[in-house]
C-alpha atoms as a PDB file:
ATOM      1  CA  MET A   1      21.763  42.562-141.579  1.00  0.00           C
ATOM      2  CA  ARG A   2      20.664  45.956-140.399  1.00  0.00           C
ATOM      3  CA  LYS A   3      17.465  44.519-139.050  1.00  0.00           C
ATOM      4  CA  PHE A   4      19.407  42.209-136.788  1.00  0.00           C
ATOM      5  CA  LYS A   5      21.597  45.027-135.540  1.00  0.00           C
ATOM      6  CA  LYS A   6      18.574  47.150-134.736  1.00  0.00           C
ATOM      7  CA  LEU A   7      17.003  44.251-132.874  1.00  0.00           C
ATOM      8  CA  GLU A   8      20.179  43.642-130.917  1.00  0.00           C
ATOM      9  CA  LEU A   9      20.405  47.283-129.964  1.00  0.00           C
ATOM     10  CA  TYR A  10      16.770  47.339-128.908  1.00  0.00           C
ATOM     11  CA  ILE A  11      17.195  44.295-126.663  1.00  0.00           C
ATOM     12  CA  ILE A  12      20.286  45.754-125.014  1.00  0.00           C
ATOM     13  CA  PHE A  13      18.464  49.027-124.485  1.00  0.00           C
ATOM     14  CA  VAL A  14      15.459  47.310-122.877  1.00  0.00           C
ATOM     15  CA  LEU A  15      17.660  45.226-120.569  1.00  0.00           C
ATOM     16  CA  SER A  16      19.526  48.338-119.505  1.00  0.00           C
ATOM     17  CA  ILE A  17      16.287  50.050-118.575  1.00  0.00           C
ATOM     18  CA  MET A  18      15.156  46.978-116.592  1.00  0.00           C
ATOM     19  CA  LEU A  19      18.400  46.877-114.687  1.00  0.00           C
ATOM     20  CA  LEU A  20      18.105  50.541-113.877  1.00  0.00           C
ATOM     21  CA  VAL A  21      14.550  50.072-112.661  1.00  0.00           C
ATOM     22  CA  THR A  22      15.534  47.079-110.529  1.00  0.00           C
ATOM     23  CA  ARG A  23      18.387  48.917-108.927  1.00  0.00           C
ATOM     24  CA  ALA A  24      16.145  51.856-108.161  1.00  0.00           C
ATOM     25  CA  PHE A  25      13.769  49.767-106.011  1.00  0.00           C
ATOM     26  CA  ALA A  26      16.199  47.403-104.167  1.00  0.00           C
ATOM     27  CA  ASN A  27      16.646  48.439-100.419  1.00  0.00           C
ATOM     28  CA  ASP A  28      18.080  46.480 -97.456  1.00  0.00           C
ATOM     29  CA  VAL A  29      16.119  45.807 -94.194  1.00  0.00           C
ATOM     30  CA  ILE A  30      17.845  44.676 -90.995  1.00  0.00           C
ATOM     31  CA  GLY A  31      16.035  42.035 -88.893  1.00  0.00           C
ATOM     32  CA  GLN A  32      16.202  42.786 -85.155  1.00  0.00           C
ATOM     33  CA  VAL A  33      14.657  41.279 -81.983  1.00  0.00           C
ATOM     34  CA  THR A  34      15.315  41.736 -78.272  1.00  0.00           C
ATOM     35  CA  ILE A  35      15.122  38.616 -76.094  1.00  0.00           C
ATOM     36  CA  GLY A  36      13.165  39.324 -72.932  1.00  0.00           C
ATOM     37  CA  SER A  37      14.037  38.026 -69.469  1.00  0.00           C
ATOM     38  CA  ALA A  38      13.299  34.362 -68.921  1.00  0.00           C
ATOM     39  CA  ALA A  39      10.745  33.658 -66.208  1.00  0.00           C
ATOM     40  CA  PRO A  40      12.201  32.110 -63.031  1.00  0.00           C
ATOM     41  CA  SER A  41      10.912  28.701 -61.985  1.00  0.00           C
ATOM     42  CA  ILE A  42      10.287  26.911 -58.670  1.00  0.00           C
ATOM     43  CA  THR A  43      10.859  23.163 -58.375  1.00  0.00           C
ATOM     44  CA  ASP A  44      11.222  20.484 -55.671  1.00  0.00           C
ATOM     45  CA  LEU A  45       9.101  22.300 -53.078  1.00  0.00           C
ATOM     46  CA  THR A  46       9.287  20.095 -49.975  1.00  0.00           C
ATOM     47  CA  VAL A  47       8.104  20.328 -46.349  1.00  0.00           C
ATOM     48  CA  TYR A  48      10.211  18.903 -43.500  1.00  0.00           C
ATOM     49  CA  ASN A  49       9.567  18.519 -39.772  1.00  0.00           C
ATOM     50  CA  GLU A  50      12.852  19.499 -38.128  1.00  0.00           C
ATOM     51  CA  GLN A  51      12.185  17.510 -34.927  1.00  0.00           C
ATOM     52  CA  GLU A  52      11.552  14.311 -36.865  1.00  0.00           C
ATOM     53  CA  ASN A  53      14.079  15.063 -39.626  1.00  0.00           C
ATOM     54  CA  GLY A  54      11.433  14.061 -42.107  1.00  0.00           C
ATOM     55  CA  GLY A  55       8.536  15.332 -44.132  1.00  0.00           C
ATOM     56  CA  ASP A  56       4.883  14.468 -44.392  1.00  0.00           C
ATOM     57  CA  PRO A  57       3.023  14.046 -42.085  1.00  0.00           C
ATOM     58  CA  VAL A  58       3.881  16.595 -39.391  1.00  0.00           C
ATOM     59  CA  THR A  59       3.462  15.645 -35.728  1.00  0.00           C
ATOM     60  CA  LEU A  60       3.103  18.570 -33.331  1.00  0.00           C
ATOM     61  CA  THR A  61       4.424  18.789 -29.758  1.00  0.00           C
ATOM     62  CA  ALA A  62       1.996  19.106 -26.838  1.00  0.00           C
ATOM     63  CA  GLY A  63       1.985  22.596 -25.364  1.00  0.00           C
ATOM     64  CA  SER A  64       4.903  23.763 -27.489  1.00  0.00           C
ATOM     65  CA  THR A  65       6.016  24.487 -31.067  1.00  0.00           C
ATOM     66  CA  VAL A  66       7.733  22.495 -33.792  1.00  0.00           C
ATOM     67  CA  THR A  67       9.963  23.918 -36.494  1.00  0.00           C
ATOM     68  CA  ILE A  68       8.876  23.167 -40.041  1.00  0.00           C
ATOM     69  CA  ARG A  69      11.331  23.732 -42.877  1.00  0.00           C
ATOM     70  CA  VAL A  70      10.161  24.497 -46.414  1.00  0.00           C
ATOM     71  CA  GLU A  71      12.717  24.082 -49.191  1.00  0.00           C
ATOM     72  CA  ALA A  72      12.603  24.700 -52.928  1.00  0.00           C
ATOM     73  CA  THR A  73      14.938  25.204 -55.876  1.00  0.00           C
ATOM     74  CA  ILE A  74      14.668  28.519 -57.738  1.00  0.00           C
ATOM     75  CA  THR A  75      16.090  28.642 -61.255  1.00  0.00           C
ATOM     76  CA  ASP A  76      16.719  31.837 -63.248  1.00  0.00           C
ATOM     77  CA  THR A  77      18.502  31.320 -66.572  1.00  0.00           C
ATOM     78  CA  ASP A  78      19.205  35.062 -66.811  1.00  0.00           C
ATOM     79  CA  GLY A  79      21.592  34.745 -63.887  1.00  0.00           C
ATOM     80  CA  TRP A  80      21.326  36.266 -60.444  1.00  0.00           C
ATOM     81  CA  SER A  81      21.655  39.870 -61.546  1.00  0.00           C
ATOM     82  CA  ASP A  82      17.944  39.336 -62.289  1.00  0.00           C
ATOM     83  CA  MET A  83      17.504  37.372 -59.092  1.00  0.00           C
ATOM     84  CA  PRO A  84      13.854  37.053 -58.039  1.00  0.00           C
ATOM     85  CA  ASN A  85      12.734  38.142 -54.588  1.00  0.00           C
ATOM     86  CA  ILE A  86      10.588  36.068 -52.263  1.00  0.00           C
ATOM     87  CA  SER A  87       7.171  37.692 -52.281  1.00  0.00           C
ATOM     88  CA  ASN A  88       5.437  35.309 -49.864  1.00  0.00           C
ATOM     89  CA  VAL A  89       6.063  31.980 -48.182  1.00  0.00           C
ATOM     90  CA  MET A  90       3.275  30.551 -46.063  1.00  0.00           C
ATOM     91  CA  LEU A  91       1.535  27.511 -44.639  1.00  0.00           C
ATOM     92  CA  TYR A  92      -2.240  27.508 -44.401  1.00  0.00           C
ATOM     93  CA  HIS A  93      -5.121  25.203 -43.444  1.00  0.00           C
ATOM     94  CA  PRO A  94      -8.194  24.602 -45.671  1.00  0.00           C
ATOM     95  CA  ALA A  95     -10.174  26.852 -43.302  1.00  0.00           C
ATOM     96  CA  SER A  96      -7.864  29.688 -44.398  1.00  0.00           C
ATOM     97  CA  SER A  97      -6.400  30.825 -47.731  1.00  0.00           C
ATOM     98  CA  SER A  98      -3.174  32.202 -49.162  1.00  0.00           C
ATOM     99  CA  GLY A  99      -4.450  35.752 -48.797  1.00  0.00           C
ATOM    100  CA  SER A 100      -5.542  35.453 -45.162  1.00  0.00           C
ATOM    101  CA  GLU A 101      -3.831  37.038 -42.186  1.00  0.00           C
ATOM    102  CA  ASP A 102      -1.687  34.905 -39.889  1.00  0.00           C
ATOM    103  CA  ASP A 103      -3.609  32.901 -37.301  1.00  0.00           C
ATOM    104  CA  GLU A 104      -2.220  30.413 -34.762  1.00  0.00           C
ATOM    105  CA  ASN A 105      -4.791  27.798 -35.812  1.00  0.00           C
ATOM    106  CA  THR A 106      -4.848  28.114 -39.590  1.00  0.00           C
ATOM    107  CA  HIS A 107      -2.200  30.397 -41.177  1.00  0.00           C
ATOM    108  CA  TYR A 108       1.548  30.962 -40.764  1.00  0.00           C
ATOM    109  CA  SER A 109       3.980  33.174 -42.708  1.00  0.00           C
ATOM    110  CA  SER A 110       7.768  33.142 -42.594  1.00  0.00           C
ATOM    111  CA  GLU A 111      10.350  35.862 -43.032  1.00  0.00           C
ATOM    112  CA  ASN A 112      13.155  33.555 -41.896  1.00  0.00           C
ATOM    113  CA  CYS A 113      14.542  32.456 -45.273  1.00  0.00           C
ATOM    114  CA  THR A 114      18.033  31.769 -46.608  1.00  0.00           C
ATOM    115  CA  PHE A 115      19.518  31.318 -50.122  1.00  0.00           C
ATOM    116  CA  GLU A 116      22.290  28.927 -51.103  1.00  0.00           C
ATOM    117  CA  GLU A 117      23.676  28.716 -54.633  1.00  0.00           C
ATOM    118  CA  THR A 118      23.947  25.063 -55.629  1.00  0.00           C
ATOM    119  CA  VAL A 119      24.818  25.254 -59.355  1.00  0.00           C
ATOM    120  CA  PRO A 120      25.007  28.236 -61.744  1.00  0.00           C
ATOM    121  CA  ASN A 121      21.612  29.928 -62.134  1.00  0.00           C
ATOM    122  CA  GLU A 122      20.063  27.806 -59.339  1.00  0.00           C
ATOM    123  CA  LYS A 123      19.609  28.540 -55.667  1.00  0.00           C
ATOM    124  CA  LEU A 124      18.173  26.532 -52.800  1.00  0.00           C
ATOM    125  CA  VAL A 125      15.765  28.610 -50.728  1.00  0.00           C
ATOM    126  CA  THR A 126      15.031  27.446 -47.173  1.00  0.00           C
ATOM    127  CA  CYS A 127      12.353  28.980 -44.949  1.00  0.00           C
ATOM    128  CA  PHE A 128      11.498  28.113 -41.344  1.00  0.00           C
ATOM    129  CA  PHE A 129       8.166  28.179 -39.487  1.00  0.00           C
ATOM    130  CA  ASP A 130       7.476  27.726 -35.766  1.00  0.00           C
ATOM    131  CA  ILE A 131       4.116  25.953 -35.681  1.00  0.00           C
ATOM    132  CA  GLY A 132       2.131  25.897 -32.430  1.00  0.00           C
ATOM    133  CA  TYR A 133       0.439  22.853 -30.918  1.00  0.00           C
ATOM    134  CA  MET A 134      -2.947  24.447 -31.653  1.00  0.00           C
ATOM    135  CA  ALA A 135      -2.496  24.334 -35.454  1.00  0.00           C
ATOM    136  CA  LEU A 136      -5.588  22.484 -36.665  1.00  0.00           C
ATOM    137  CA  PRO A 137      -5.140  19.003 -38.138  1.00  0.00           C
ATOM    138  CA  GLY A 138      -5.667  18.333 -41.821  1.00  0.00           C
ATOM    139  CA  ILE A 139      -4.033  18.874 -45.196  1.00  0.00           C
ATOM    140  CA  TRP A 140      -2.141  22.169 -45.220  1.00  0.00           C
ATOM    141  CA  ALA A 141      -0.750  23.981 -48.254  1.00  0.00           C
ATOM    142  CA  ALA A 142       2.847  25.198 -48.348  1.00  0.00           C
ATOM    143  CA  ASN A 143       3.040  28.066 -50.835  1.00  0.00           C
ATOM    144  CA  LEU A 144       6.128  29.867 -52.125  1.00  0.00           C
ATOM    145  CA  THR A 145       5.721  32.952 -54.311  1.00  0.00           C
ATOM    146  CA  ILE A 146       8.652  34.759 -55.953  1.00  0.00           C
ATOM    147  CA  GLN A 147       8.699  37.999 -57.927  1.00  0.00           C
ATOM    148  CA  ASP A 148      11.142  38.887 -60.720  1.00  0.00           C
ATOM    149  CA  LEU A 149      12.386  42.371 -61.601  1.00  0.00           C
ATOM    150  CA  SER A 150       9.445  42.944 -63.934  1.00  0.00           C
ATOM    151  CA  GLY A 151       7.077  42.553 -60.969  1.00  0.00           C
ATOM    152  CA  SER A 152       5.569  39.285 -62.175  1.00  0.00           C
ATOM    153  CA  ASP A 153       4.724  36.664 -59.553  1.00  0.00           C
ATOM    154  CA  PHE A 154       5.474  32.955 -59.848  1.00  0.00           C
ATOM    155  CA  SER A 155       4.089  30.468 -57.303  1.00  0.00           C
ATOM    156  CA  GLU A 156       4.382  26.822 -56.379  1.00  0.00           C
ATOM    157  CA  THR A 157       2.291  24.909 -53.804  1.00  0.00           C
ATOM    158  CA  GLN A 158       2.898  21.598 -52.049  1.00  0.00           C
ATOM    159  CA  ASN A 159       0.513  19.909 -49.603  1.00  0.00           C
ATOM    160  CA  THR A 160       1.501  18.478 -46.243  1.00  0.00           C
ATOM    161  CA  THR A 161      -0.526  16.827 -43.467  1.00  0.00           C
ATOM    162  CA  ILE A 162      -0.606  17.935 -39.827  1.00  0.00           C
ATOM    163  CA  ASN A 163      -1.647  15.061 -37.574  1.00  0.00           C
ATOM    164  CA  GLU A 164      -4.166  15.213 -34.758  1.00  0.00           C
ATOM    165  CA  LEU A 165      -2.626  15.889 -31.351  1.00  0.00           C
ATOM    166  CA  THR A 166      -4.549  14.822 -28.252  1.00  0.00           C
ATOM    167  CA  ALA A 167      -2.954  16.142 -25.054  1.00  0.00           C
ATOM    168  CA  ILE A 168      -3.731  17.852 -21.762  1.00  0.00           C
ATOM    169  CA  GLU A 169      -1.876  19.643 -18.996  1.00  0.00           C
ATOM    170  CA  LEU A 170      -2.880  19.531 -15.323  1.00  0.00           C
ATOM    171  CA  VAL A 171      -1.957  22.866 -13.771  1.00  0.00           C
ATOM    172  CA  GLU A 172      -2.127  21.724 -10.142  1.00  0.00           C
ATOM    173  CA  SER A 173       0.029  18.794  -9.031  1.00  0.00           C
ATOM    174  CA  ALA A 174      -2.273  17.697  -6.175  1.00  0.00           C
ATOM    175  CA  VAL A 175      -5.860  17.861  -4.901  1.00  0.00           C
ATOM    176  CA  ASP A 176      -5.646  18.881  -1.247  1.00  0.00           C
ATOM    177  CA  PHE A 177      -8.876  18.177   0.665  1.00  0.00           C
ATOM    178  CA  GLY A 178      -7.456  19.616   3.885  1.00  0.00           C
ATOM    179  CA  VAL A 179      -8.346  18.194   7.297  1.00  0.00           C
ATOM    180  CA  ILE A 180     -11.562  16.130   7.440  1.00  0.00           C
ATOM    181  CA  SER A 181     -12.936  14.288  10.467  1.00  0.00           C
ATOM    182  CA  LEU A 182     -13.778  10.579  10.535  1.00  0.00           C
ATOM    183  CA  GLY A 183     -17.170   9.896   8.949  1.00  0.00           C
ATOM    184  CA  ALA A 184     -17.337  13.373   7.338  1.00  0.00           C
ATOM    185  CA  ASN A 185     -17.343  14.568   3.731  1.00  0.00           C
ATOM    186  CA  SER A 186     -15.355  17.402   2.242  1.00  0.00           C
ATOM    187  CA  SER A 187     -17.623  20.447   2.305  1.00  0.00           C
ATOM    188  CA  VAL A 188     -15.368  22.578   0.109  1.00  0.00           C
ATOM    189  CA  PRO A 189     -14.244  20.819  -3.069  1.00  0.00           C
ATOM    190  CA  GLY A 190     -10.691  20.678  -4.271  1.00  0.00           C
ATOM    191  CA  ASN A 191     -10.049  21.399  -7.929  1.00  0.00           C
ATOM    192  CA  VAL A 192      -7.667  20.689 -10.792  1.00  0.00           C
ATOM    193  CA  THR A 193      -7.322  22.893 -13.882  1.00  0.00           C
ATOM    194  CA  ILE A 194      -7.313  20.921 -17.139  1.00  0.00           C
ATOM    195  CA  LYS A 195      -5.796  22.604 -20.212  1.00  0.00           C
ATOM    196  CA  ASN A 196      -6.094  21.395 -23.783  1.00  0.00           C
ATOM    197  CA  MET A 197      -2.530  21.144 -25.093  1.00  0.00           C
ATOM    198  CA  GLY A 198      -3.487  19.648 -28.466  1.00  0.00           C
ATOM    199  CA  ASN A 199      -5.278  20.576 -31.675  1.00  0.00           C
ATOM    200  CA  VAL A 200      -8.581  18.687 -31.325  1.00  0.00           C
ATOM    201  CA  LEU A 201     -11.587  18.974 -29.027  1.00  0.00           C
ATOM    202  CA  ILE A 202     -11.095  16.671 -26.045  1.00  0.00           C
ATOM    203  CA  ASN A 203     -12.932  14.894 -23.271  1.00  0.00           C
ATOM    204  CA  ALA A 204     -11.223  12.909 -20.529  1.00  0.00           C
ATOM    205  CA  MET A 205     -10.721   9.484 -19.018  1.00  0.00           C
ATOM    206  CA  LEU A 206     -10.317   9.424 -15.215  1.00  0.00           C
ATOM    207  CA  SER A 207      -9.156   6.702 -12.851  1.00  0.00           C
ATOM    208  CA  GLY A 208      -7.507   6.465  -9.460  1.00  0.00           C
ATOM    209  CA  THR A 209      -5.982   4.180  -6.874  1.00  0.00           C
ATOM    210  CA  ASP A 210      -7.077   3.568  -3.284  1.00  0.00           C
ATOM    211  CA  TYR A 211      -5.723   6.039  -0.711  1.00  0.00           C
ATOM    212  CA  THR A 212      -2.924   4.718   1.462  1.00  0.00           C
ATOM    213  CA  CYS A 213      -3.107   6.276   4.934  1.00  0.00           C
ATOM    214  CA  SER A 214      -0.742   6.262   7.880  1.00  0.00           C
ATOM    215  CA  THR A 215      -3.210   3.700   9.214  1.00  0.00           C
ATOM    216  CA  GLY A 216      -5.630   1.883   6.899  1.00  0.00           C
ATOM    217  CA  THR A 217      -6.871   2.697   3.374  1.00  0.00           C
ATOM    218  CA  ILE A 218      -9.707   4.659   1.778  1.00  0.00           C
ATOM    219  CA  PRO A 219     -11.294   3.144  -1.348  1.00  0.00           C
ATOM    220  CA  ALA A 220     -10.913   5.146  -4.560  1.00  0.00           C
ATOM    221  CA  GLY A 221     -14.711   5.003  -4.861  1.00  0.00           C
ATOM    222  CA  ASN A 222     -15.024   7.356  -1.883  1.00  0.00           C
ATOM    223  CA  THR A 223     -13.896  10.146  -4.246  1.00  0.00           C
ATOM    224  CA  ARG A 224     -16.362  11.971  -6.470  1.00  0.00           C
ATOM    225  CA  TYR A 225     -15.778  14.594  -9.159  1.00  0.00           C
ATOM    226  CA  SER A 226     -17.709  17.030 -11.324  1.00  0.00           C
ATOM    227  CA  LEU A 227     -17.292  19.925 -13.731  1.00  0.00           C
ATOM    228  CA  SER A 228     -19.673  21.921 -11.499  1.00  0.00           C
ATOM    229  CA  GLU A 229     -18.672  23.188  -8.097  1.00  0.00           C
ATOM    230  CA  GLY A 230     -20.540  21.487  -5.260  1.00  0.00           C
ATOM    231  CA  ASP A 231     -20.258  19.206  -2.234  1.00  0.00           C
ATOM    232  CA  TYR A 232     -19.821  15.446  -2.056  1.00  0.00           C
ATOM    233  CA  ASP A 233     -23.558  14.670  -2.111  1.00  0.00           C
ATOM    234  CA  SER A 234     -24.197  16.779  -5.214  1.00  0.00           C
ATOM    235  CA  MET A 235     -21.527  15.060  -7.296  1.00  0.00           C
ATOM    236  CA  THR A 236     -22.471  11.916  -9.233  1.00  0.00           C
ATOM    237  CA  LEU A 237     -19.262  10.747 -10.957  1.00  0.00           C
ATOM    238  CA  THR A 238     -17.274   8.282  -8.869  1.00  0.00           C
ATOM    239  CA  LEU A 239     -13.530   7.653  -9.136  1.00  0.00           C
ATOM    240  CA  GLY A 240     -12.547   4.052  -9.778  1.00  0.00           C
ATOM    241  CA  GLU A 241      -9.508   1.961 -10.613  1.00  0.00           C
ATOM    242  CA  GLU A 242     -10.924   1.400 -14.120  1.00  0.00           C
ATOM    243  CA  PRO A 243     -10.864   4.479 -16.400  1.00  0.00           C
ATOM    244  CA  ASN A 244     -14.216   6.215 -16.693  1.00  0.00           C
ATOM    245  CA  GLY A 245     -15.012   8.567 -19.567  1.00  0.00           C
ATOM    246  CA  GLN A 246     -16.149  12.112 -18.910  1.00  0.00           C
ATOM    247  CA  TYR A 247     -17.797  13.045 -22.179  1.00  0.00           C
ATOM    248  CA  ASP A 248     -19.122  16.490 -21.272  1.00  0.00           C
ATOM    249  CA  LEU A 249     -15.747  18.177 -20.837  1.00  0.00           C
ATOM    250  CA  ASN A 250     -15.728  19.251 -24.520  1.00  0.00           C
ATOM    251  CA  LEU A 251     -12.566  21.272 -24.140  1.00  0.00           C
ATOM    252  CA  GLY A 252     -11.916  23.143 -27.397  1.00  0.00           C
ATOM    253  CA  VAL A 253      -8.646  24.096 -29.067  1.00  0.00           C
ATOM    254  CA  ARG A 254      -6.827  27.253 -27.986  1.00  0.00           C
ATOM    255  CA  GLY A 255      -7.645  30.065 -30.426  1.00  0.00           C
ATOM    256  CA  ASP A 256     -10.485  28.047 -31.933  1.00  0.00           C
ATOM    257  CA  GLY A 257     -12.582  27.283 -28.853  1.00  0.00           C
ATOM    258  CA  THR A 258     -11.239  30.441 -27.161  1.00  0.00           C
ATOM    259  CA  PRO A 259     -10.017  33.878 -28.285  1.00  0.00           C
ATOM    260  CA  ASP A 260      -6.559  33.915 -29.908  1.00  0.00           C
ATOM    261  CA  GLY A 261      -3.790  33.515 -27.366  1.00  0.00           C
ATOM    262  CA  VAL A 262      -6.119  32.330 -24.579  1.00  0.00           C
ATOM    263  CA  ASP A 263      -5.626  28.801 -23.231  1.00  0.00           C
ATOM    264  CA  SER A 264      -8.587  26.457 -23.434  1.00  0.00           C
ATOM    265  CA  ALA A 265      -9.092  25.252 -19.856  1.00  0.00           C
ATOM    266  CA  ASP A 266     -11.721  24.070 -17.382  1.00  0.00           C
ATOM    267  CA  LEU A 267     -11.903  23.125 -13.713  1.00  0.00           C
ATOM    268  CA  GLU A 268     -12.531  19.612 -12.411  1.00  0.00           C
ATOM    269  CA  TYR A 269     -13.944  19.663  -8.853  1.00  0.00           C
ATOM    270  CA  TRP A 270     -13.267  16.896  -6.314  1.00  0.00           C
ATOM    271  CA  ALA A 271     -14.771  15.749  -3.004  1.00  0.00           C
ATOM    272  CA  ILE A 272     -14.068  12.836  -0.683  1.00  0.00           C
ATOM    273  CA  LYS A 273     -15.879  10.872   2.044  1.00  0.00           C
ATOM    274  CA  ILE A 274     -13.815   9.686   5.028  1.00  0.00           C
ATOM    275  CA  PRO A 275     -14.731   6.311   6.597  1.00  0.00           C
ATOM    276  CA  SER A 276     -16.074   6.456  10.145  1.00  0.00           C
ATOM    277  CA  SER A 277     -13.220   4.261  11.445  1.00  0.00           C
ATOM    278  CA  GLY A 278     -10.083   2.342  10.508  1.00  0.00           C
ATOM    279  CA  VAL A 279      -8.032   5.214   9.056  1.00  0.00           C
ATOM    280  CA  SER A 280      -5.788   7.891  10.499  1.00  0.00           C
ATOM    281  CA  GLY A 281      -2.935  10.212   9.622  1.00  0.00           C
ATOM    282  CA  THR A 282      -2.120  11.432   6.139  1.00  0.00           C
ATOM    283  CA  CYS A 283      -3.648   9.692   3.104  1.00  0.00           C
ATOM    284  CA  SER A 284      -2.640   9.889  -0.558  1.00  0.00           C
ATOM    285  CA  ASN A 285      -3.404   8.240  -3.871  1.00  0.00           C
ATOM    286  CA  THR A 286      -2.768   8.716  -7.576  1.00  0.00           C
ATOM    287  CA  ILE A 287      -5.421  10.198  -9.869  1.00  0.00           C
ATOM    288  CA  SER A 288      -4.916   9.772 -13.611  1.00  0.00           C
ATOM    289  CA  ILE A 289      -6.577  12.094 -16.144  1.00  0.00           C
ATOM    290  CA  THR A 290      -6.022  11.255 -19.801  1.00  0.00           C
ATOM    291  CA  ALA A 291      -7.101  13.259 -22.817  1.00  0.00           C
ATOM    292  CA  LEU A 292      -9.729  11.599 -24.981  1.00  0.00           C
ATOM    293  CA  GLY A 293     -10.029  12.981 -28.497  1.00  0.00           C
ATOM    294  CA  GLY A 294     -12.376  12.379 -31.384  1.00  0.00           C
ATOM    295  CA  ILE A 295     -15.530  12.051 -29.261  1.00  0.00           C
END
């Protein structure tokens, strides 16, 4: 009986020691983590042509500008106390890049942007660009870059197409040959200034009607023209009622064929031969000059 009591006491003693040891090494650790700011996102980046109330492709306006609107939805799940700033918004041609400086032919930036909250944590950003007629045709990239409070950039890019624009402007409204005697030629040529008002290299198609005089008519074929100044006999191109191509005009695009901001223009010289009889008074006709692109 004593043996059993000793054993019982020994077991209790050992268990007590184990419990004491266990309690001595049991410590609590608190798990802790801080959730960082969620990255903002850009979705639904779209390009619109304000004049056409539509998107791709964009058609420019001869000799003027069109307004292009770029829209996108910015989402920030942290709320707008952490609202991202617009770092850059730009349109650029393949001949340029996002990091290039603005250029009337290939690169445009906008600082004209507005925000509109649509639903909680989302805002519609709208930016406007005035794009000149000389913006080169092709597939352009619309890029929007935003920056959160940590200084990290987030970008989205959407392509849009700018169409070719073939157009000219005639600076002078008339070619005045002055007073010429019967049977004589104009010794001093008249001229018309042709400006390229589009975004592609152009040549021209020329045609004209017969001159109606106070008495009689002068055939359109009595009129000659040239890109070089000279008299009637030195000119070889003849005006006719059917359009005739002038393929050596090669008038480049403003800012591309000329320095930035300088119109691309050339002079067309004109001379006329007056019949020796059958006409008198004042004579006039209509001369048509049409831009010819892609050649």
